């Protein structure tokens, strides 16, 4: 059985004001398909860094990471097709775009047509909120409303099956 997540000696080092900060230090994990896991730890423990690497938003300094058997550094497209990721917080949206424009953009990342995105979004409990905030630029929307509407990005993903 293919593992859903596997990392081998994953390291990520950031340079901050001339100093090297090691966010991940030789992280090796294995998660079988179908299991549910939680990343728990104090601020600065590397949780977000690990998620960003696993979702191809950040490259590791060294080591290997695989999602459904796909290498996160050389098979980014396949990895993105295999996962559903909804970010929260300040980087949830592009602030100059309206909520609607953001949903169209994020749907396009999954090769989703506008019509399909609208149909799929209607099934989401967050769809109504997305419509409410969708006409205004995100920077004019209350943070809680924007984050709740952002949850409607999740249905865009159609995680695929593990490679043979």
N, C-alpha and C. Protein backbone atom coordinates (compact mmCIF):
# COMPACT_ATOMS: atom_id res chain seq x y z
N UNK A 1 0.84 -1.19 0.00
CA UNK A 1 0.00 0.00 0.00
C UNK A 1 0.88 1.25 0.00
N UNK A 2 0.58 2.19 -0.88
CA UNK A 2 1.31 3.45 -0.93
C UNK A 2 1.01 4.29 0.30
N UNK A 3 2.04 4.88 0.83
CA UNK A 3 1.85 5.77 1.97
C UNK A 3 1.30 7.11 1.47
N UNK A 4 0.39 7.67 2.22
CA UNK A 4 -0.16 8.97 1.86
C UNK A 4 0.91 10.05 2.00
N UNK A 5 1.68 9.96 3.07
CA UNK A 5 2.75 10.94 3.33
C UNK A 5 3.99 10.19 3.77
N UNK A 6 5.11 10.58 3.20
CA UNK A 6 6.39 10.02 3.66
C UNK A 6 7.46 11.10 3.53
N UNK A 7 8.20 11.30 4.58
CA UNK A 7 9.36 12.19 4.51
C UNK A 7 10.58 11.43 5.00
N UNK A 8 11.72 11.80 4.44
CA UNK A 8 12.99 11.18 4.81
C UNK A 8 14.02 12.27 5.10
N UNK A 9 14.41 12.39 6.35
CA UNK A 9 15.44 13.35 6.76
C UNK A 9 15.20 14.75 6.20
N UNK A 10 13.97 15.22 6.32
CA UNK A 10 13.58 16.52 5.78
C UNK A 10 14.17 17.65 6.61
N UNK A 11 14.85 18.56 5.93
CA UNK A 11 15.47 19.71 6.58
C UNK A 11 15.04 20.97 5.84
N UNK A 12 14.74 22.02 6.61
CA UNK A 12 14.48 23.32 6.01
C UNK A 12 15.19 24.36 6.87
N UNK A 13 16.06 25.12 6.21
CA UNK A 13 16.81 26.18 6.87
C UNK A 13 16.44 27.50 6.22
N UNK A 14 16.13 28.49 7.04
CA UNK A 14 15.85 29.85 6.57
C UNK A 14 17.01 30.74 6.97
N UNK A 15 17.29 31.73 6.15
CA UNK A 15 18.29 32.74 6.52
C UNK A 15 17.53 33.98 6.97
N UNK A 16 17.76 34.37 8.22
CA UNK A 16 17.09 35.52 8.81
C UNK A 16 18.15 36.46 9.34
N UNK A 17 18.25 37.63 8.73
CA UNK A 17 19.22 38.65 9.13
C UNK A 17 20.63 38.07 9.22
N UNK A 18 21.00 37.29 8.22
CA UNK A 18 22.34 36.73 8.15
C UNK A 18 22.55 35.47 8.98
N UNK A 19 21.57 35.08 9.76
CA UNK A 19 21.67 33.88 10.59
C UNK A 19 20.86 32.74 9.97
N UNK A 20 21.33 31.53 10.14
CA UNK A 20 20.58 30.37 9.68
C UNK A 20 19.68 29.87 10.80
N UNK A 21 18.40 29.72 10.47
CA UNK A 21 17.41 29.21 11.42
C UNK A 21 16.90 27.89 10.86
N UNK A 22 17.05 26.84 11.62
CA UNK A 22 16.64 25.50 11.18
C UNK A 22 15.20 25.26 11.64
N UNK A 23 14.27 25.33 10.68
CA UNK A 23 12.85 25.14 11.00
C UNK A 23 12.50 23.66 11.10
N UNK A 24 13.11 22.83 10.27
CA UNK A 24 12.93 21.38 10.32
C UNK A 24 14.31 20.75 10.39
N UNK A 25 14.45 19.77 11.26
CA UNK A 25 15.75 19.13 11.44
C UNK A 25 15.61 17.61 11.31
N UNK A 26 15.84 17.11 10.11
CA UNK A 26 15.85 15.67 9.85
C UNK A 26 14.53 14.99 10.24
N UNK A 27 13.42 15.53 9.70
CA UNK A 27 12.09 15.00 10.00
C UNK A 27 11.79 13.82 9.09
N UNK A 28 11.49 12.69 9.68
CA UNK A 28 11.11 11.49 8.94
C UNK A 28 9.78 10.99 9.49
N UNK A 29 8.77 10.96 8.63
CA UNK A 29 7.45 10.47 9.05
C UNK A 29 6.88 9.57 7.96
N UNK A 30 5.95 8.72 8.37
CA UNK A 30 5.21 7.87 7.45
C UNK A 30 3.76 7.86 7.91
N UNK A 31 2.86 8.13 6.98
CA UNK A 31 1.43 8.11 7.27
C UNK A 31 0.76 7.26 6.21
N UNK A 32 0.11 6.21 6.66
CA UNK A 32 -0.59 5.34 5.72
C UNK A 32 -1.86 6.01 5.21
N UNK A 33 -2.23 5.67 3.99
CA UNK A 33 -3.46 6.17 3.41
C UNK A 33 -4.63 5.78 4.32
N UNK A 34 -5.53 6.72 4.56
CA UNK A 34 -6.70 6.46 5.39
C UNK A 34 -6.53 6.86 6.84
N UNK A 35 -5.30 7.10 7.27
CA UNK A 35 -5.07 7.53 8.66
C UNK A 35 -5.28 9.02 8.79
N UNK A 36 -5.65 9.44 9.99
CA UNK A 36 -5.80 10.85 10.31
C UNK A 36 -4.71 11.21 11.30
N UNK A 37 -4.01 12.30 11.04
CA UNK A 37 -2.94 12.74 11.93
C UNK A 37 -3.11 14.21 12.26
N UNK A 38 -2.50 14.63 13.33
CA UNK A 38 -2.51 16.04 13.73
C UNK A 38 -1.07 16.46 14.01
N UNK A 39 -0.72 17.64 13.57
CA UNK A 39 0.59 18.21 13.91
C UNK A 39 0.38 19.13 15.10
N UNK A 40 1.02 18.80 16.19
CA UNK A 40 0.85 19.56 17.41
C UNK A 40 2.23 19.99 17.90
N UNK A 41 2.33 21.23 18.33
CA UNK A 41 3.59 21.70 18.87
C UNK A 41 3.53 23.20 19.12
N UNK A 42 4.51 23.71 19.82
CA UNK A 42 4.53 25.14 20.13
C UNK A 42 4.83 25.97 18.88
N UNK A 43 4.58 27.27 18.98
CA UNK A 43 4.95 28.19 17.90
C UNK A 43 6.43 28.01 17.58
N UNK A 44 6.74 27.99 16.28
CA UNK A 44 8.13 27.86 15.87
C UNK A 44 8.63 26.44 15.78
N UNK A 45 7.74 25.46 15.99
CA UNK A 45 8.17 24.06 15.97
C UNK A 45 8.36 23.51 14.56
N UNK A 46 7.83 24.21 13.54
CA UNK A 46 8.00 23.76 12.16
C UNK A 46 6.76 23.17 11.52
N UNK A 47 5.61 23.27 12.20
CA UNK A 47 4.37 22.68 11.67
C UNK A 47 3.99 23.29 10.32
N UNK A 48 3.95 24.60 10.25
CA UNK A 48 3.57 25.28 9.01
C UNK A 48 4.60 25.04 7.93
N UNK A 49 5.86 25.04 8.29
CA UNK A 49 6.91 24.77 7.31
C UNK A 49 6.73 23.38 6.71
N UNK A 50 6.44 22.40 7.53
CA UNK A 50 6.23 21.04 7.03
C UNK A 50 5.03 20.99 6.08
N UNK A 51 3.92 21.61 6.46
CA UNK A 51 2.72 21.62 5.62
C UNK A 51 3.03 22.31 4.28
N UNK A 52 3.75 23.41 4.32
CA UNK A 52 4.09 24.12 3.08
C UNK A 52 4.97 23.27 2.17
N UNK A 53 5.88 22.52 2.74
CA UNK A 53 6.72 21.63 1.92
C UNK A 53 5.86 20.51 1.34
N UNK A 54 5.02 19.90 2.16
CA UNK A 54 4.19 18.79 1.69
C UNK A 54 3.19 19.23 0.61
N UNK A 55 2.82 20.50 0.61
CA UNK A 55 1.86 20.99 -0.37
C UNK A 55 2.53 21.73 -1.53
N UNK A 56 3.84 21.63 -1.63
CA UNK A 56 4.67 22.20 -2.72
C UNK A 56 4.77 23.72 -2.69
N UNK A 57 4.41 24.36 -1.59
CA UNK A 57 4.51 25.81 -1.51
C UNK A 57 5.91 26.27 -1.09
N UNK A 58 6.72 25.33 -0.62
CA UNK A 58 8.07 25.62 -0.14
C UNK A 58 8.93 24.41 -0.44
N UNK A 59 10.17 24.64 -0.82
CA UNK A 59 11.05 23.51 -1.10
C UNK A 59 11.91 23.21 0.12
N UNK A 60 12.21 21.94 0.34
CA UNK A 60 13.10 21.60 1.47
C UNK A 60 14.54 21.98 1.15
N UNK A 61 15.30 22.24 2.18
CA UNK A 61 16.74 22.48 2.01
C UNK A 61 17.42 21.18 1.64
N UNK A 62 17.00 20.10 2.28
CA UNK A 62 17.50 18.76 1.95
C UNK A 62 16.48 17.73 2.42
N UNK A 63 16.70 16.51 2.01
CA UNK A 63 15.78 15.43 2.36
C UNK A 63 14.74 15.24 1.27
N UNK A 64 13.85 14.31 1.48
CA UNK A 64 12.82 13.97 0.49
C UNK A 64 11.45 13.97 1.15
N UNK A 65 10.44 14.29 0.35
CA UNK A 65 9.05 14.24 0.82
C UNK A 65 8.18 13.73 -0.33
N UNK A 66 7.24 12.88 0.01
CA UNK A 66 6.35 12.28 -0.98
C UNK A 66 4.91 12.36 -0.49
N UNK A 67 4.01 12.65 -1.42
CA UNK A 67 2.57 12.61 -1.17
C UNK A 67 1.99 11.61 -2.15
N UNK A 68 1.36 10.56 -1.64
CA UNK A 68 0.78 9.52 -2.48
C UNK A 68 1.80 8.95 -3.46
N UNK A 69 3.06 8.92 -3.04
CA UNK A 69 4.12 8.38 -3.89
C UNK A 69 4.77 9.39 -4.81
N UNK A 70 4.22 10.60 -4.87
CA UNK A 70 4.79 11.64 -5.74
C UNK A 70 5.79 12.49 -4.97
N UNK A 71 6.91 12.78 -5.60
CA UNK A 71 7.96 13.61 -5.02
C UNK A 71 7.52 15.08 -5.04
N UNK A 72 7.54 15.74 -3.89
CA UNK A 72 7.05 17.12 -3.81
C UNK A 72 7.93 18.12 -4.55
N UNK A 73 9.17 17.76 -4.84
CA UNK A 73 10.05 18.71 -5.53
C UNK A 73 10.10 18.49 -7.04
N UNK A 74 9.80 17.30 -7.51
CA UNK A 74 9.88 17.05 -8.95
C UNK A 74 8.54 16.69 -9.59
N UNK A 75 7.52 16.45 -8.78
CA UNK A 75 6.20 16.09 -9.31
C UNK A 75 5.12 16.96 -8.67
N UNK A 76 5.37 18.27 -8.68
CA UNK A 76 4.48 19.21 -7.99
C UNK A 76 3.04 19.12 -8.48
N UNK A 77 2.85 19.04 -9.78
CA UNK A 77 1.50 19.00 -10.34
C UNK A 77 0.73 17.79 -9.82
N UNK A 78 1.38 16.63 -9.81
CA UNK A 78 0.72 15.42 -9.34
C UNK A 78 0.40 15.51 -7.85
N UNK A 79 1.33 16.11 -7.09
CA UNK A 79 1.08 16.29 -5.65
C UNK A 79 -0.14 17.16 -5.45
N UNK A 80 -0.21 18.30 -6.16
CA UNK A 80 -1.34 19.22 -5.99
C UNK A 80 -2.66 18.58 -6.37
N UNK A 81 -2.63 17.69 -7.34
CA UNK A 81 -3.86 16.99 -7.73
C UNK A 81 -4.25 15.93 -6.70
N UNK A 82 -3.34 15.56 -5.85
CA UNK A 82 -3.58 14.51 -4.87
C UNK A 82 -4.02 15.03 -3.52
N UNK A 83 -4.00 16.33 -3.32
CA UNK A 83 -4.31 16.90 -2.01
C UNK A 83 -5.42 17.94 -2.12
N UNK A 84 -6.02 18.25 -1.00
CA UNK A 84 -6.93 19.37 -0.85
C UNK A 84 -6.40 20.20 0.30
N UNK A 85 -6.10 21.45 0.04
CA UNK A 85 -5.49 22.30 1.07
C UNK A 85 -6.25 23.61 1.15
N UNK A 86 -6.65 23.97 2.36
CA UNK A 86 -7.25 25.27 2.60
C UNK A 86 -6.40 25.95 3.66
N UNK A 87 -5.74 27.03 3.27
CA UNK A 87 -4.93 27.78 4.21
C UNK A 87 -5.82 28.72 5.00
N UNK A 88 -5.40 29.06 6.19
CA UNK A 88 -6.14 30.02 7.00
C UNK A 88 -5.22 31.16 7.38
N UNK A 89 -5.83 32.22 7.84
CA UNK A 89 -5.04 33.34 8.31
C UNK A 89 -4.80 34.38 7.24
N UNK A 90 -3.76 35.13 7.40
CA UNK A 90 -3.52 36.31 6.57
C UNK A 90 -3.24 36.01 5.10
N UNK A 91 -2.84 34.81 4.76
CA UNK A 91 -2.51 34.52 3.37
C UNK A 91 -3.57 33.66 2.68
N UNK A 92 -4.77 33.76 3.16
CA UNK A 92 -5.87 32.97 2.62
C UNK A 92 -6.28 33.43 1.22
N UNK A 93 -6.18 34.72 0.96
CA UNK A 93 -6.63 35.31 -0.29
C UNK A 93 -5.59 36.27 -0.85
N UNK A 94 -5.84 36.66 -2.13
CA UNK A 94 -5.14 37.80 -2.71
C UNK A 94 -6.01 39.01 -2.39
N UNK A 95 -5.50 39.94 -1.61
CA UNK A 95 -6.32 40.99 -1.04
C UNK A 95 -6.85 42.01 -2.03
N UNK A 96 -6.22 42.19 -3.17
CA UNK A 96 -6.71 43.16 -4.15
C UNK A 96 -7.86 42.61 -4.99
N UNK A 97 -8.03 41.31 -4.99
CA UNK A 97 -9.12 40.69 -5.73
C UNK A 97 -10.37 40.61 -4.86
N UNK A 98 -11.51 40.51 -5.49
CA UNK A 98 -12.74 40.28 -4.73
C UNK A 98 -12.76 38.82 -4.29
N UNK A 99 -13.67 38.52 -3.37
CA UNK A 99 -13.82 37.14 -2.93
C UNK A 99 -14.15 36.23 -4.10
N UNK A 100 -15.03 36.70 -4.98
CA UNK A 100 -15.43 35.93 -6.16
C UNK A 100 -14.21 35.66 -7.05
N UNK A 101 -13.43 36.70 -7.32
CA UNK A 101 -12.25 36.53 -8.18
C UNK A 101 -11.26 35.55 -7.55
N UNK A 102 -11.14 35.57 -6.24
CA UNK A 102 -10.27 34.62 -5.56
C UNK A 102 -10.75 33.18 -5.75
N UNK A 103 -12.06 32.96 -5.62
CA UNK A 103 -12.58 31.61 -5.80
C UNK A 103 -12.37 31.12 -7.23
N UNK A 104 -12.55 32.01 -8.20
CA UNK A 104 -12.29 31.63 -9.59
C UNK A 104 -10.82 31.27 -9.76
N UNK A 105 -9.94 32.09 -9.18
CA UNK A 105 -8.51 31.83 -9.30
C UNK A 105 -8.14 30.48 -8.68
N UNK A 106 -8.59 30.23 -7.44
CA UNK A 106 -8.22 28.98 -6.78
C UNK A 106 -8.83 27.77 -7.49
N UNK A 107 -10.02 27.94 -8.05
CA UNK A 107 -10.61 26.86 -8.84
C UNK A 107 -9.77 26.56 -10.07
N UNK A 108 -9.21 27.61 -10.68
CA UNK A 108 -8.39 27.40 -11.88
C UNK A 108 -7.13 26.61 -11.57
N UNK A 109 -6.65 26.67 -10.33
CA UNK A 109 -5.47 25.89 -9.95
C UNK A 109 -5.75 24.40 -10.04
N UNK A 110 -7.03 24.04 -9.95
CA UNK A 110 -7.43 22.64 -10.05
C UNK A 110 -8.06 22.35 -11.42
N UNK A 111 -7.77 23.22 -12.41
CA UNK A 111 -8.32 23.07 -13.77
C UNK A 111 -9.85 22.97 -13.75
N UNK A 112 -10.47 23.75 -12.87
CA UNK A 112 -11.91 23.71 -12.72
C UNK A 112 -12.52 24.87 -13.50
N UNK A 113 -13.51 24.57 -14.34
CA UNK A 113 -14.19 25.62 -15.08
C UNK A 113 -15.00 26.48 -14.12
N UNK A 114 -15.33 27.67 -14.55
CA UNK A 114 -16.12 28.57 -13.73
C UNK A 114 -17.48 27.94 -13.40
N UNK A 115 -18.12 27.33 -14.39
CA UNK A 115 -19.43 26.71 -14.17
C UNK A 115 -19.33 25.58 -13.14
N UNK A 116 -18.31 24.72 -13.29
CA UNK A 116 -18.16 23.61 -12.35
C UNK A 116 -17.87 24.14 -10.95
N UNK A 117 -17.03 25.17 -10.86
CA UNK A 117 -16.72 25.77 -9.56
C UNK A 117 -17.96 26.30 -8.87
N UNK A 118 -18.84 26.95 -9.65
CA UNK A 118 -20.07 27.47 -9.07
C UNK A 118 -20.97 26.33 -8.61
N UNK A 119 -21.09 25.28 -9.42
CA UNK A 119 -21.94 24.15 -9.05
C UNK A 119 -21.41 23.44 -7.80
N UNK A 120 -20.10 23.22 -7.75
CA UNK A 120 -19.52 22.54 -6.60
C UNK A 120 -19.61 23.40 -5.35
N UNK A 121 -19.41 24.70 -5.52
CA UNK A 121 -19.46 25.61 -4.39
C UNK A 121 -20.82 25.67 -3.73
N UNK A 122 -21.88 25.50 -4.53
CA UNK A 122 -23.25 25.57 -3.99
C UNK A 122 -23.50 24.50 -2.94
N UNK A 123 -22.76 23.40 -3.01
CA UNK A 123 -22.93 22.34 -2.02
C UNK A 123 -22.19 22.60 -0.73
N UNK A 124 -21.38 23.64 -0.72
CA UNK A 124 -20.58 23.97 0.47
C UNK A 124 -21.38 24.84 1.43
N UNK A 125 -21.34 24.53 2.74
CA UNK A 125 -22.06 25.38 3.69
C UNK A 125 -21.52 26.80 3.72
N UNK A 126 -20.30 27.00 3.26
CA UNK A 126 -19.69 28.33 3.26
C UNK A 126 -20.06 29.13 2.02
N UNK A 127 -20.78 28.53 1.08
CA UNK A 127 -21.07 29.16 -0.20
C UNK A 127 -21.80 30.49 -0.03
N UNK A 128 -22.80 30.53 0.86
CA UNK A 128 -23.55 31.76 1.08
C UNK A 128 -22.65 32.89 1.55
N UNK A 129 -21.76 32.58 2.46
CA UNK A 129 -20.83 33.60 2.97
C UNK A 129 -19.90 34.05 1.85
N UNK A 130 -19.47 33.12 1.01
CA UNK A 130 -18.60 33.48 -0.11
C UNK A 130 -19.32 34.45 -1.04
N UNK A 131 -20.63 34.24 -1.25
CA UNK A 131 -21.38 35.15 -2.11
C UNK A 131 -21.50 36.53 -1.47
N UNK A 132 -21.71 36.56 -0.15
CA UNK A 132 -21.84 37.84 0.55
C UNK A 132 -20.58 38.68 0.42
N UNK A 133 -19.43 38.07 0.62
CA UNK A 133 -18.18 38.82 0.58
C UNK A 133 -17.58 38.86 -0.82
N UNK A 134 -18.16 38.12 -1.73
CA UNK A 134 -17.58 37.95 -3.06
C UNK A 134 -17.53 39.18 -3.92
N UNK A 135 -18.35 40.15 -3.63
CA UNK A 135 -18.41 41.34 -4.48
C UNK A 135 -17.44 42.44 -4.05
N UNK A 136 -16.84 42.28 -2.91
CA UNK A 136 -15.95 43.33 -2.39
C UNK A 136 -14.50 42.86 -2.40
N UNK A 137 -13.57 43.80 -2.57
CA UNK A 137 -12.16 43.40 -2.43
C UNK A 137 -11.94 42.83 -1.02
N UNK A 138 -11.14 41.82 -0.93
CA UNK A 138 -10.95 41.11 0.33
C UNK A 138 -10.43 42.04 1.43
N UNK A 139 -9.62 43.04 1.09
CA UNK A 139 -9.10 43.93 2.13
C UNK A 139 -10.19 44.79 2.77
N UNK A 140 -11.41 44.82 2.20
CA UNK A 140 -12.53 45.57 2.77
C UNK A 140 -13.45 44.70 3.61
N UNK A 141 -13.14 43.41 3.71
CA UNK A 141 -14.00 42.45 4.40
C UNK A 141 -13.45 42.17 5.79
N UNK A 142 -14.34 41.97 6.77
CA UNK A 142 -13.91 41.62 8.12
C UNK A 142 -13.11 40.31 8.07
N UNK A 143 -12.01 40.22 8.82
CA UNK A 143 -11.16 39.01 8.75
C UNK A 143 -11.91 37.70 8.98
N UNK A 144 -12.82 37.66 9.94
CA UNK A 144 -13.56 36.42 10.20
C UNK A 144 -14.44 36.02 9.03
N UNK A 145 -15.07 37.01 8.38
CA UNK A 145 -15.91 36.72 7.22
C UNK A 145 -15.06 36.20 6.07
N UNK A 146 -13.91 36.80 5.86
CA UNK A 146 -13.04 36.36 4.78
C UNK A 146 -12.55 34.94 5.01
N UNK A 147 -12.18 34.64 6.25
CA UNK A 147 -11.68 33.29 6.55
C UNK A 147 -12.79 32.25 6.38
N UNK A 148 -13.99 32.58 6.83
CA UNK A 148 -15.10 31.64 6.67
C UNK A 148 -15.41 31.41 5.20
N UNK A 149 -15.42 32.48 4.40
CA UNK A 149 -15.66 32.33 2.97
C UNK A 149 -14.55 31.54 2.32
N UNK A 150 -13.35 31.69 2.82
CA UNK A 150 -12.20 30.97 2.26
C UNK A 150 -12.31 29.48 2.41
N UNK A 151 -13.10 29.03 3.37
CA UNK A 151 -13.28 27.59 3.54
C UNK A 151 -13.94 26.96 2.32
N UNK A 152 -14.61 27.78 1.51
CA UNK A 152 -15.25 27.24 0.31
C UNK A 152 -14.24 26.87 -0.76
N UNK A 153 -12.95 27.18 -0.55
CA UNK A 153 -11.91 26.76 -1.49
C UNK A 153 -11.72 25.25 -1.43
N UNK A 154 -11.98 24.64 -0.30
CA UNK A 154 -11.72 23.22 -0.12
C UNK A 154 -12.37 22.31 -1.14
N UNK A 155 -13.65 22.54 -1.49
CA UNK A 155 -14.28 21.64 -2.45
C UNK A 155 -13.64 21.64 -3.83
N UNK A 156 -12.83 22.65 -4.15
CA UNK A 156 -12.18 22.66 -5.46
C UNK A 156 -11.27 21.46 -5.64
N UNK A 157 -10.69 21.00 -4.58
CA UNK A 157 -9.73 19.89 -4.69
C UNK A 157 -10.47 18.57 -4.89
N UNK A 158 -9.94 17.77 -5.74
CA UNK A 158 -10.45 16.42 -5.95
C UNK A 158 -9.27 15.48 -5.82
N UNK A 159 -8.87 15.21 -4.57
CA UNK A 159 -7.69 14.36 -4.40
C UNK A 159 -7.85 13.05 -5.15
N UNK A 160 -6.77 12.66 -5.82
CA UNK A 160 -6.81 11.46 -6.63
C UNK A 160 -6.33 10.25 -5.84
N UNK A 161 -6.39 9.12 -6.48
CA UNK A 161 -5.93 7.88 -5.86
C UNK A 161 -4.42 7.77 -5.97
N UNK A 162 -3.89 6.88 -5.16
CA UNK A 162 -2.45 6.66 -5.16
C UNK A 162 -2.00 6.09 -6.51
N UNK A 163 -0.77 6.43 -6.93
CA UNK A 163 -0.28 5.87 -8.17
C UNK A 163 -0.07 4.35 -8.03
N UNK A 164 -0.18 3.66 -9.14
CA UNK A 164 -0.03 2.20 -9.12
C UNK A 164 1.39 1.79 -8.83
